């Protein structure tokens, strides 16, 4: 989170489950999503998967670099491999999400 803007991507754990990405489809800037709605698609050699909006909001930016070079996600999923940014419409929804430490405890 940076103010009311959330950066959305996939975690290293999720990437490990999928394998190296070969295709990324992102939402359009201005697209609105409810919490839990499918917002993007990633495809690996093993499988394709939806990326769900962790909170409701409106897409304000997309990382076009990962569309042409999905390997950016493979190499740095929580850094340069971010997928899209959303303006959060209901900050109360953030309270139900796991923080990084809780997520790591769940996935380790």
PDB file of N, CA and C in Angstrom:
ATOM      1  N   UNK A   1       0.840  -1.189   0.000  1.00  0.00           N
ATOM      2  CA  UNK A   1       0.000   0.000   0.000  1.00  0.00           C
ATOM      3  C   UNK A   1       0.878   1.243   0.000  1.00  0.00           C
ATOM      4  N   UNK A   2       0.469   2.205  -0.790  1.00  0.00           N
ATOM      5  CA  UNK A   2       1.079   3.520  -0.794  1.00  0.00           C
ATOM      6  C   UNK A   2      -0.087   4.503  -0.765  1.00  0.00           C
ATOM      7  N   UNK A   3      -0.458   4.939   0.430  1.00  0.00           N
ATOM      8  CA  UNK A   3      -1.662   5.751   0.573  1.00  0.00           C
ATOM      9  C   UNK A   3      -2.871   4.890   0.267  1.00  0.00           C
ATOM     10  N   UNK A   4      -3.657   5.304  -0.705  1.00  0.00           N
ATOM     11  CA  UNK A   4      -4.840   4.524  -1.086  1.00  0.00           C
ATOM     12  C   UNK A   4      -4.585   3.633  -2.305  1.00  0.00           C
ATOM     13  N   UNK A   5      -3.328   3.549  -2.748  1.00  0.00           N
ATOM     14  CA  UNK A   5      -2.977   2.760  -3.927  1.00  0.00           C
ATOM     15  C   UNK A   5      -2.320   1.445  -3.506  1.00  0.00           C
ATOM     16  N   UNK A   6      -2.902   0.349  -3.957  1.00  0.00           N
ATOM     17  CA  UNK A   6      -2.364  -0.988  -3.687  1.00  0.00           C
ATOM     18  C   UNK A   6      -1.665  -1.502  -4.926  1.00  0.00           C
ATOM     19  N   UNK A   7      -0.468  -2.047  -4.745  1.00  0.00           N
ATOM     20  CA  UNK A   7       0.246  -2.695  -5.848  1.00  0.00           C
ATOM     21  C   UNK A   7      -0.055  -4.184  -5.776  1.00  0.00           C
ATOM     22  N   UNK A   8      -0.529  -4.746  -6.883  1.00  0.00           N
ATOM     23  CA  UNK A   8      -0.985  -6.126  -6.937  1.00  0.00           C
ATOM     24  C   UNK A   8      -0.017  -6.951  -7.781  1.00  0.00           C
ATOM     25  N   UNK A   9       0.308  -8.123  -7.296  1.00  0.00           N
ATOM     26  CA  UNK A   9       1.157  -9.056  -8.036  1.00  0.00           C
ATOM     27  C   UNK A   9       0.918 -10.455  -7.514  1.00  0.00           C
ATOM     28  N   UNK A  10       1.847 -11.336  -7.783  1.00  0.00           N
ATOM     29  CA  UNK A  10       1.754 -12.675  -7.217  1.00  0.00           C
ATOM     30  C   UNK A  10       2.954 -12.896  -6.314  1.00  0.00           C
ATOM     31  N   UNK A  11       2.782 -13.765  -5.353  1.00  0.00           N
ATOM     32  CA  UNK A  11       3.840 -14.018  -4.380  1.00  0.00           C
ATOM     33  C   UNK A  11       4.839 -15.040  -4.917  1.00  0.00           C
ATOM     34  N   UNK A  12       6.030 -15.076  -4.339  1.00  0.00           N
ATOM     35  CA  UNK A  12       6.985 -16.114  -4.720  1.00  0.00           C
ATOM     36  C   UNK A  12       6.411 -17.522  -4.517  1.00  0.00           C
ATOM     37  N   UNK A  13       5.622 -17.706  -3.459  1.00  0.00           N
ATOM     38  CA  UNK A  13       4.993 -19.022  -3.226  1.00  0.00           C
ATOM     39  C   UNK A  13       4.068 -19.391  -4.389  1.00  0.00           C
ATOM     40  N   UNK A  14       3.201 -18.463  -4.783  1.00  0.00           N
ATOM     41  CA  UNK A  14       2.278 -18.727  -5.894  1.00  0.00           C
ATOM     42  C   UNK A  14       3.047 -18.993  -7.182  1.00  0.00           C
ATOM     43  N   UNK A  15       4.095 -18.231  -7.410  1.00  0.00           N
ATOM     44  CA  UNK A  15       4.921 -18.435  -8.598  1.00  0.00           C
ATOM     45  C   UNK A  15       5.551 -19.823  -8.577  1.00  0.00           C
ATOM     46  N   UNK A  16       6.000 -20.264  -7.400  1.00  0.00           N
ATOM     47  CA  UNK A  16       6.565 -21.604  -7.271  1.00  0.00           C
ATOM     48  C   UNK A  16       5.562 -22.695  -7.585  1.00  0.00           C
ATOM     49  N   UNK A  17       4.299 -22.464  -7.244  1.00  0.00           N
ATOM     50  CA  UNK A  17       3.252 -23.432  -7.544  1.00  0.00           C
ATOM     51  C   UNK A  17       2.934 -23.486  -9.033  1.00  0.00           C
ATOM     52  N   UNK A  18       3.016 -22.335  -9.689  1.00  0.00           N
ATOM     53  CA  UNK A  18       2.708 -22.261 -11.121  1.00  0.00           C
ATOM     54  C   UNK A  18       3.878 -22.670 -12.005  1.00  0.00           C
ATOM     55  N   UNK A  19       5.076 -22.277 -11.633  1.00  0.00           N
ATOM     56  CA  UNK A  19       6.233 -22.423 -12.503  1.00  0.00           C
ATOM     57  C   UNK A  19       6.449 -21.122 -13.252  1.00  0.00           C
ATOM     58  N   UNK A  20       7.445 -21.085 -14.094  1.00  0.00           N
ATOM     59  CA  UNK A  20       7.790 -19.857 -14.817  1.00  0.00           C
ATOM     60  C   UNK A  20       6.646 -19.388 -15.713  1.00  0.00           C
ATOM     61  N   UNK A  21       6.331 -18.116 -15.599  1.00  0.00           N
ATOM     62  CA  UNK A  21       5.259 -17.540 -16.406  1.00  0.00           C
ATOM     63  C   UNK A  21       5.711 -17.342 -17.844  1.00  0.00           C
ATOM     64  N   UNK A  22       4.772 -17.580 -18.762  1.00  0.00           N
ATOM     65  CA  UNK A  22       5.041 -17.383 -20.185  1.00  0.00           C
ATOM     66  C   UNK A  22       4.054 -16.393 -20.810  1.00  0.00           C
ATOM     67  N   UNK A  23       3.009 -16.011 -20.063  1.00  0.00           N
ATOM     68  CA  UNK A  23       1.976 -15.109 -20.584  1.00  0.00           C
ATOM     69  C   UNK A  23       1.335 -14.377 -19.417  1.00  0.00           C
ATOM     70  N   UNK A  24       1.084 -13.081 -19.613  1.00  0.00           N
ATOM     71  CA  UNK A  24       0.402 -12.262 -18.608  1.00  0.00           C
ATOM     72  C   UNK A  24      -0.640 -11.404 -19.322  1.00  0.00           C
ATOM     73  N   UNK A  25      -1.869 -11.413 -18.818  1.00  0.00           N
ATOM     74  CA  UNK A  25      -2.936 -10.546 -19.326  1.00  0.00           C
ATOM     75  C   UNK A  25      -3.398  -9.666 -18.174  1.00  0.00           C
ATOM     76  N   UNK A  26      -3.345  -8.360 -18.373  1.00  0.00           N
ATOM     77  CA  UNK A  26      -3.655  -7.405 -17.312  1.00  0.00           C
ATOM     78  C   UNK A  26      -4.977  -6.696 -17.583  1.00  0.00           C
ATOM     79  N   UNK A  27      -5.581  -6.139 -16.527  1.00  0.00           N
ATOM     80  CA  UNK A  27      -6.808  -5.360 -16.730  1.00  0.00           C
ATOM     81  C   UNK A  27      -6.491  -4.028 -17.399  1.00  0.00           C
ATOM     82  N   UNK A  28      -7.504  -3.383 -17.884  1.00  0.00           N
ATOM     83  CA  UNK A  28      -7.351  -2.044 -18.459  1.00  0.00           C
ATOM     84  C   UNK A  28      -7.333  -1.014 -17.338  1.00  0.00           C
ATOM     85  N   UNK A  29      -6.596   0.062 -17.537  1.00  0.00           N
ATOM     86  CA  UNK A  29      -6.666   1.175 -16.603  1.00  0.00           C
ATOM     87  C   UNK A  29      -8.110   1.670 -16.591  1.00  0.00           C
ATOM     88  N   UNK A  30      -8.635   1.888 -15.409  1.00  0.00           N
ATOM     89  CA  UNK A  30     -10.026   2.310 -15.252  1.00  0.00           C
ATOM     90  C   UNK A  30     -10.970   1.166 -14.929  1.00  0.00           C
ATOM     91  N   UNK A  31     -10.513  -0.091 -15.138  1.00  0.00           N
ATOM     92  CA  UNK A  31     -11.360  -1.239 -14.807  1.00  0.00           C
ATOM     93  C   UNK A  31     -11.598  -1.282 -13.310  1.00  0.00           C
ATOM     94  N   UNK A  32     -12.825  -1.593 -12.921  1.00  0.00           N
ATOM     95  CA  UNK A  32     -13.205  -1.660 -11.510  1.00  0.00           C
ATOM     96  C   UNK A  32     -13.492  -3.103 -11.130  1.00  0.00           C
ATOM     97  N   UNK A  33     -13.047  -3.461  -9.925  1.00  0.00           N
ATOM     98  CA  UNK A  33     -13.224  -4.823  -9.444  1.00  0.00           C
ATOM     99  C   UNK A  33     -13.716  -4.820  -8.013  1.00  0.00           C
ATOM    100  N   UNK A  34     -14.578  -5.774  -7.706  1.00  0.00           N
ATOM    101  CA  UNK A  34     -14.951  -6.037  -6.325  1.00  0.00           C
ATOM    102  C   UNK A  34     -13.897  -6.935  -5.713  1.00  0.00           C
ATOM    103  N   UNK A  35     -13.803  -6.934  -4.409  1.00  0.00           N
ATOM    104  CA  UNK A  35     -12.878  -7.828  -3.708  1.00  0.00           C
ATOM    105  C   UNK A  35     -13.150  -9.270  -4.137  1.00  0.00           C
ATOM    106  N   UNK A  36     -12.104  -9.984  -4.530  1.00  0.00           N
ATOM    107  CA  UNK A  36     -12.225 -11.382  -4.923  1.00  0.00           C
ATOM    108  C   UNK A  36     -12.544 -11.625  -6.382  1.00  0.00           C
ATOM    109  N   UNK A  37     -12.759 -10.583  -7.155  1.00  0.00           N
ATOM    110  CA  UNK A  37     -13.064 -10.741  -8.578  1.00  0.00           C
ATOM    111  C   UNK A  37     -11.795 -11.037  -9.366  1.00  0.00           C
ATOM    112  N   UNK A  38     -11.930 -11.836 -10.412  1.00  0.00           N
ATOM    113  CA  UNK A  38     -10.797 -12.111 -11.304  1.00  0.00           C
ATOM    114  C   UNK A  38     -10.413 -10.810 -12.003  1.00  0.00           C
ATOM    115  N   UNK A  39      -9.134 -10.434 -11.905  1.00  0.00           N
ATOM    116  CA  UNK A  39      -8.696  -9.157 -12.448  1.00  0.00           C
ATOM    117  C   UNK A  39      -7.614  -9.300 -13.518  1.00  0.00           C
ATOM    118  N   UNK A  40      -6.844 -10.380 -13.469  1.00  0.00           N
ATOM    119  CA  UNK A  40      -5.757 -10.599 -14.426  1.00  0.00           C
ATOM    120  C   UNK A  40      -5.604 -12.102 -14.620  1.00  0.00           C
ATOM    121  N   UNK A  41      -4.822 -12.472 -15.629  1.00  0.00           N
ATOM    122  CA  UNK A  41      -4.545 -13.882 -15.894  1.00  0.00           C
ATOM    123  C   UNK A  41      -3.047 -14.054 -16.083  1.00  0.00           C
ATOM    124  N   UNK A  42      -2.517 -15.099 -15.480  1.00  0.00           N
ATOM    125  CA  UNK A  42      -1.120 -15.472 -15.706  1.00  0.00           C
ATOM    126  C   UNK A  42      -1.107 -16.914 -16.185  1.00  0.00           C
ATOM    127  N   UNK A  43      -0.185 -17.207 -17.085  1.00  0.00           N
ATOM    128  CA  UNK A  43      -0.082 -18.558 -17.629  1.00  0.00           C
ATOM    129  C   UNK A  43       1.366 -19.015 -17.552  1.00  0.00           C
ATOM    130  N   UNK A  44       1.536 -20.220 -17.051  1.00  0.00           N
ATOM    131  CA  UNK A  44       2.849 -20.849 -16.978  1.00  0.00           C
ATOM    132  C   UNK A  44       2.823 -22.076 -17.871  1.00  0.00           C
ATOM    133  N   UNK A  45       3.956 -22.718 -17.999  1.00  0.00           N
ATOM    134  CA  UNK A  45       4.015 -23.946 -18.789  1.00  0.00           C
ATOM    135  C   UNK A  45       3.061 -24.983 -18.199  1.00  0.00           C
ATOM    136  N   UNK A  46       2.972 -25.037 -16.871  1.00  0.00           N
ATOM    137  CA  UNK A  46       2.137 -26.026 -16.175  1.00  0.00           C
ATOM    138  C   UNK A  46       0.652 -25.705 -16.188  1.00  0.00           C
ATOM    139  N   UNK A  47       0.289 -24.425 -16.023  1.00  0.00           N
ATOM    140  CA  UNK A  47      -1.113 -24.083 -15.821  1.00  0.00           C
ATOM    141  C   UNK A  47      -1.348 -22.602 -16.025  1.00  0.00           C
ATOM    142  N   UNK A  48      -2.623 -22.256 -16.180  1.00  0.00           N
ATOM    143  CA  UNK A  48      -3.037 -20.853 -16.201  1.00  0.00           C
ATOM    144  C   UNK A  48      -3.807 -20.584 -14.918  1.00  0.00           C
ATOM    145  N   UNK A  49      -3.767 -19.340 -14.462  1.00  0.00           N
ATOM    146  CA  UNK A  49      -4.447 -18.998 -13.222  1.00  0.00           C
ATOM    147  C   UNK A  49      -4.954 -17.567 -13.281  1.00  0.00           C
ATOM    148  N   UNK A  50      -6.063 -17.350 -12.635  1.00  0.00           N
ATOM    149  CA  UNK A  50      -6.579 -16.002 -12.473  1.00  0.00           C
ATOM    150  C   UNK A  50      -5.840 -15.335 -11.319  1.00  0.00           C
ATOM    151  N   UNK A  51      -5.701 -14.033 -11.395  1.00  0.00           N
ATOM    152  CA  UNK A  51      -5.201 -13.224 -10.286  1.00  0.00           C
ATOM    153  C   UNK A  51      -6.410 -12.440  -9.805  1.00  0.00           C
ATOM    154  N   UNK A  52      -6.753 -12.623  -8.544  1.00  0.00           N
ATOM    155  CA  UNK A  52      -7.954 -12.025  -7.985  1.00  0.00           C
ATOM    156  C   UNK A  52      -7.641 -10.719  -7.269  1.00  0.00           C
ATOM    157  N   UNK A  53      -8.545  -9.772  -7.379  1.00  0.00           N
ATOM    158  CA  UNK A  53      -8.392  -8.497  -6.682  1.00  0.00           C
ATOM    159  C   UNK A  53      -8.495  -8.760  -5.179  1.00  0.00           C
ATOM    160  N   UNK A  54      -7.451  -8.444  -4.423  1.00  0.00           N
ATOM    161  CA  UNK A  54      -7.505  -8.705  -2.985  1.00  0.00           C
ATOM    162  C   UNK A  54      -8.467  -7.776  -2.257  1.00  0.00           C
ATOM    163  N   UNK A  55      -8.755  -6.634  -2.852  1.00  0.00           N
ATOM    164  CA  UNK A  55      -9.713  -5.662  -2.331  1.00  0.00           C
ATOM    165  C   UNK A  55     -10.434  -5.038  -3.518  1.00  0.00           C
ATOM    166  N   UNK A  56     -11.530  -4.367  -3.241  1.00  0.00           N
ATOM    167  CA  UNK A  56     -12.234  -3.673  -4.311  1.00  0.00           C
ATOM    168  C   UNK A  56     -11.537  -2.383  -4.680  1.00  0.00           C
ATOM    169  N   UNK A  57     -11.623  -2.033  -5.951  1.00  0.00           N
ATOM    170  CA  UNK A  57     -11.016  -0.782  -6.365  1.00  0.00           C
ATOM    171  C   UNK A  57     -11.003  -0.606  -7.868  1.00  0.00           C
ATOM    172  N   UNK A  58     -10.306   0.431  -8.286  1.00  0.00           N
ATOM    173  CA  UNK A  58     -10.192   0.777  -9.697  1.00  0.00           C
ATOM    174  C   UNK A  58      -8.732   0.717 -10.124  1.00  0.00           C
ATOM    175  N   UNK A  59      -8.477   0.082 -11.258  1.00  0.00           N
ATOM    176  CA  UNK A  59      -7.123  -0.019 -11.791  1.00  0.00           C
ATOM    177  C   UNK A  59      -6.640   1.368 -12.210  1.00  0.00           C
ATOM    178  N   UNK A  60      -5.469   1.751 -11.670  1.00  0.00           N
ATOM    179  CA  UNK A  60      -4.909   3.073 -11.998  1.00  0.00           C
ATOM    180  C   UNK A  60      -3.618   2.967 -12.799  1.00  0.00           C
ATOM    181  N   UNK A  61      -3.004   1.776 -12.830  1.00  0.00           N
ATOM    182  CA  UNK A  61      -1.775   1.575 -13.605  1.00  0.00           C
ATOM    183  C   UNK A  61      -1.591   0.091 -13.851  1.00  0.00           C
ATOM    184  N   UNK A  62      -0.959  -0.224 -14.977  1.00  0.00           N
ATOM    185  CA  UNK A  62      -0.602  -1.613 -15.280  1.00  0.00           C
ATOM    186  C   UNK A  62       0.873  -1.647 -15.659  1.00  0.00           C
ATOM    187  N   UNK A  63       1.505  -2.762 -15.387  1.00  0.00           N
ATOM    188  CA  UNK A  63       2.920  -2.937 -15.694  1.00  0.00           C
ATOM    189  C   UNK A  63       3.034  -3.589 -17.071  1.00  0.00           C
ATOM    190  N   UNK A  64       3.036  -2.761 -18.109  1.00  0.00           N
ATOM    191  CA  UNK A  64       3.097  -3.264 -19.485  1.00  0.00           C
ATOM    192  C   UNK A  64       4.359  -4.081 -19.746  1.00  0.00           C
ATOM    193  N   UNK A  65       5.411  -3.829 -18.978  1.00  0.00           N
ATOM    194  CA  UNK A  65       6.665  -4.561 -19.179  1.00  0.00           C
ATOM    195  C   UNK A  65       6.472  -6.058 -18.984  1.00  0.00           C
ATOM    196  N   UNK A  66       5.602  -6.467 -18.052  1.00  0.00           N
ATOM    197  CA  UNK A  66       5.428  -7.910 -17.801  1.00  0.00           C
ATOM    198  C   UNK A  66       4.598  -8.583 -18.884  1.00  0.00           C
ATOM    199  N   UNK A  67       3.844  -7.800 -19.644  1.00  0.00           N
ATOM    200  CA  UNK A  67       3.081  -8.372 -20.758  1.00  0.00           C
ATOM    201  C   UNK A  67       4.046  -8.837 -21.844  1.00  0.00           C
ATOM    202  N   UNK A  68       5.016  -7.994 -22.174  1.00  0.00           N
ATOM    203  CA  UNK A  68       5.971  -8.355 -23.219  1.00  0.00           C
ATOM    204  C   UNK A  68       7.122  -9.213 -22.693  1.00  0.00           C
ATOM    205  N   UNK A  69       7.351  -9.186 -21.382  1.00  0.00           N
ATOM    206  CA  UNK A  69       8.445  -9.967 -20.785  1.00  0.00           C
ATOM    207  C   UNK A  69       7.987 -10.582 -19.456  1.00  0.00           C
ATOM    208  N   UNK A  70       7.172 -11.661 -19.517  1.00  0.00           N
ATOM    209  CA  UNK A  70       6.699 -12.306 -18.290  1.00  0.00           C
ATOM    210  C   UNK A  70       7.834 -12.763 -17.368  1.00  0.00           C
ATOM    211  N   UNK A  71       9.023 -12.916 -17.914  1.00  0.00           N
ATOM    212  CA  UNK A  71      10.163 -13.336 -17.102  1.00  0.00           C
ATOM    213  C   UNK A  71      10.472 -12.326 -16.000  1.00  0.00           C
ATOM    214  N   UNK A  72      10.031 -11.086 -16.142  1.00  0.00           N
ATOM    215  CA  UNK A  72      10.202 -10.098 -15.069  1.00  0.00           C
ATOM    216  C   UNK A  72       9.501 -10.558 -13.798  1.00  0.00           C
ATOM    217  N   UNK A  73       8.349 -11.174 -13.947  1.00  0.00           N
ATOM    218  CA  UNK A  73       7.621 -11.702 -12.787  1.00  0.00           C
ATOM    219  C   UNK A  73       8.400 -12.876 -12.202  1.00  0.00           C
ATOM    220  N   UNK A  74       8.904 -13.743 -13.076  1.00  0.00           N
ATOM    221  CA  UNK A  74       9.656 -14.916 -12.611  1.00  0.00           C
ATOM    222  C   UNK A  74      10.854 -14.514 -11.766  1.00  0.00           C
ATOM    223  N   UNK A  75      11.542 -13.462 -12.169  1.00  0.00           N
ATOM    224  CA  UNK A  75      12.764 -13.049 -11.490  1.00  0.00           C
ATOM    225  C   UNK A  75      12.556 -12.162 -10.280  1.00  0.00           C
ATOM    226  N   UNK A  76      11.431 -11.435 -10.233  1.00  0.00           N
ATOM    227  CA  UNK A  76      11.228 -10.459  -9.153  1.00  0.00           C
ATOM    228  C   UNK A  76       9.727 -10.224  -8.935  1.00  0.00           C
ATOM    229  N   UNK A  77       8.985 -11.254  -8.478  1.00  0.00           N
ATOM    230  CA  UNK A  77       7.530 -11.130  -8.397  1.00  0.00           C
ATOM    231  C   UNK A  77       7.034 -10.038  -7.457  1.00  0.00           C
ATOM    232  N   UNK A  78       7.777  -9.722  -6.421  1.00  0.00           N
ATOM    233  CA  UNK A  78       7.315  -8.702  -5.479  1.00  0.00           C
ATOM    234  C   UNK A  78       8.017  -7.355  -5.684  1.00  0.00           C
ATOM    235  N   UNK A  79       8.746  -7.230  -6.770  1.00  0.00           N
ATOM    236  CA  UNK A  79       9.434  -5.975  -7.090  1.00  0.00           C
ATOM    237  C   UNK A  79       9.046  -5.517  -8.482  1.00  0.00           C
ATOM    238  N   UNK A  80       9.989  -5.614  -9.425  1.00  0.00           N
ATOM    239  CA  UNK A  80       9.743  -5.172 -10.802  1.00  0.00           C
ATOM    240  C   UNK A  80       8.685  -5.996 -11.524  1.00  0.00           C
ATOM    241  N   UNK A  81       8.305  -7.144 -10.971  1.00  0.00           N
ATOM    242  CA  UNK A  81       7.305  -7.998 -11.596  1.00  0.00           C
ATOM    243  C   UNK A  81       5.887  -7.745 -11.121  1.00  0.00           C
ATOM    244  N   UNK A  82       5.619  -6.565 -10.535  1.00  0.00           N
ATOM    245  CA  UNK A  82       4.248  -6.243 -10.127  1.00  0.00           C
ATOM    246  C   UNK A  82       3.345  -6.271 -11.353  1.00  0.00           C
ATOM    247  N   UNK A  83       2.042  -6.494 -11.143  1.00  0.00           N
ATOM    248  CA  UNK A  83       1.113  -6.611 -12.265  1.00  0.00           C
ATOM    249  C   UNK A  83       0.311  -5.336 -12.510  1.00  0.00           C
ATOM    250  N   UNK A  84      -0.406  -4.854 -11.480  1.00  0.00           N
ATOM    251  CA  UNK A  84      -1.219  -3.648 -11.650  1.00  0.00           C
ATOM    252  C   UNK A  84      -1.400  -2.949 -10.316  1.00  0.00           C
ATOM    253  N   UNK A  85      -1.857  -1.707 -10.385  1.00  0.00           N
ATOM    254  CA  UNK A  85      -2.106  -0.917  -9.183  1.00  0.00           C
ATOM    255  C   UNK A  85      -3.571  -0.507  -9.162  1.00  0.00           C
ATOM    256  N   UNK A  86      -4.129  -0.532  -7.953  1.00  0.00           N
ATOM    257  CA  UNK A  86      -5.540  -0.189  -7.772  1.00  0.00           C
ATOM    258  C   UNK A  86      -5.696   0.904  -6.730  1.00  0.00           C
ATOM    259  N   UNK A  87      -6.649   1.786  -6.967  1.00  0.00           N
ATOM    260  CA  UNK A  87      -7.084   2.723  -5.924  1.00  0.00           C
ATOM    261  C   UNK A  87      -8.138   1.968  -5.112  1.00  0.00           C
ATOM    262  N   UNK A  88      -7.861   1.744  -3.850  1.00  0.00           N
ATOM    263  CA  UNK A  88      -8.742   0.976  -2.971  1.00  0.00           C
ATOM    264  C   UNK A  88      -9.987   1.808  -2.664  1.00  0.00           C
ATOM    265  N   UNK A  89     -11.151   1.207  -2.853  1.00  0.00           N
ATOM    266  CA  UNK A  89     -12.399   1.935  -2.617  1.00  0.00           C
ATOM    267  C   UNK A  89     -12.946   1.737  -1.208  1.00  0.00           C
ATOM    268  N   UNK A  90     -12.548   0.666  -0.531  1.00  0.00           N
ATOM    269  CA  UNK A  90     -13.040   0.414   0.827  1.00  0.00           C
ATOM    270  C   UNK A  90     -11.875  -0.099   1.662  1.00  0.00           C
ATOM    271  N   UNK A  91     -11.210   0.795   2.366  1.00  0.00           N
ATOM    272  CA  UNK A  91     -10.020   0.412   3.129  1.00  0.00           C
ATOM    273  C   UNK A  91     -10.330  -0.593   4.237  1.00  0.00           C
ATOM    274  N   UNK A  92     -11.578  -0.722   4.647  1.00  0.00           N
ATOM    275  CA  UNK A  92     -11.940  -1.710   5.666  1.00  0.00           C
ATOM    276  C   UNK A  92     -11.670  -3.134   5.165  1.00  0.00           C
ATOM    277  N   UNK A  93     -11.700  -3.337   3.856  1.00  0.00           N
ATOM    278  CA  UNK A  93     -11.420  -4.668   3.298  1.00  0.00           C
ATOM    279  C   UNK A  93      -9.984  -5.104   3.561  1.00  0.00           C
ATOM    280  N   UNK A  94      -9.088  -4.159   3.752  1.00  0.00           N
ATOM    281  CA  UNK A  94      -7.681  -4.486   4.020  1.00  0.00           C
ATOM    282  C   UNK A  94      -7.525  -5.273   5.323  1.00  0.00           C
ATOM    283  N   UNK A  95      -8.427  -5.068   6.258  1.00  0.00           N
ATOM    284  CA  UNK A  95      -8.325  -5.700   7.578  1.00  0.00           C
ATOM    285  C   UNK A  95      -8.427  -7.226   7.522  1.00  0.00           C
ATOM    286  N   UNK A  96      -9.040  -7.767   6.485  1.00  0.00           N
ATOM    287  CA  UNK A  96      -9.198  -9.222   6.405  1.00  0.00           C
ATOM    288  C   UNK A  96      -8.028  -9.909   5.700  1.00  0.00           C
ATOM    289  N   UNK A  97      -7.101  -9.121   5.153  1.00  0.00           N
ATOM    290  CA  UNK A  97      -5.955  -9.696   4.453  1.00  0.00           C
ATOM    291  C   UNK A  97      -4.859 -10.072   5.435  1.00  0.00           C
ATOM    292  N   UNK A  98      -4.075 -11.072   5.076  1.00  0.00           N
ATOM    293  CA  UNK A  98      -2.925 -11.456   5.879  1.00  0.00           C
ATOM    294  C   UNK A  98      -1.788 -10.472   5.655  1.00  0.00           C
ATOM    295  N   UNK A  99      -1.013 -10.205   6.704  1.00  0.00           N
ATOM    296  CA  UNK A  99       0.203  -9.441   6.481  1.00  0.00           C
ATOM    297  C   UNK A  99       1.279 -10.410   5.994  1.00  0.00           C
ATOM    298  N   UNK A 100       2.440  -9.886   5.628  1.00  0.00           N
ATOM    299  CA  UNK A 100       3.487 -10.718   5.035  1.00  0.00           C
ATOM    300  C   UNK A 100       3.923 -11.845   5.970  1.00  0.00           C
ATOM    301  N   UNK A 101       4.085 -11.564   7.244  1.00  0.00           N
ATOM    302  CA  UNK A 101       4.531 -12.592   8.197  1.00  0.00           C
ATOM    303  C   UNK A 101       3.498 -13.714   8.329  1.00  0.00           C
ATOM    304  N   UNK A 102       2.226 -13.366   8.398  1.00  0.00           N
ATOM    305  CA  UNK A 102       1.175 -14.385   8.509  1.00  0.00           C
ATOM    306  C   UNK A 102       1.090 -15.221   7.235  1.00  0.00           C
ATOM    307  N   UNK A 103       1.263 -14.579   6.079  1.00  0.00           N
ATOM    308  CA  UNK A 103       1.237 -15.314   4.817  1.00  0.00           C
ATOM    309  C   UNK A 103       2.392 -16.303   4.733  1.00  0.00           C
ATOM    310  N   UNK A 104       3.598 -15.848   5.131  1.00  0.00           N
ATOM    311  CA  UNK A 104       4.752 -16.726   5.092  1.00  0.00           C
ATOM    312  C   UNK A 104       4.573 -17.905   6.059  1.00  0.00           C
ATOM    313  N   UNK A 105       3.994 -17.657   7.222  1.00  0.00           N
ATOM    314  CA  UNK A 105       3.751 -18.736   8.185  1.00  0.00           C
ATOM    315  C   UNK A 105       2.776 -19.759   7.594  1.00  0.00           C
ATOM    316  N   UNK A 106       1.804 -19.282   6.848  1.00  0.00           N
ATOM    317  CA  UNK A 106       0.809 -20.159   6.241  1.00  0.00           C
ATOM    318  C   UNK A 106       1.394 -20.982   5.097  1.00  0.00           C
ATOM    319  N   UNK A 107       2.325 -20.410   4.361  1.00  0.00           N
ATOM    320  CA  UNK A 107       2.838 -21.076   3.148  1.00  0.00           C
ATOM    321  C   UNK A 107       4.171 -21.786   3.349  1.00  0.00           C
ATOM    322  N   UNK A 108       4.826 -21.595   4.465  1.00  0.00           N
ATOM    323  CA  UNK A 108       6.109 -22.295   4.706  1.00  0.00           C
ATOM    324  C   UNK A 108       5.894 -23.729   5.112  1.00  0.00           C
TER     325      UNK A 108
END
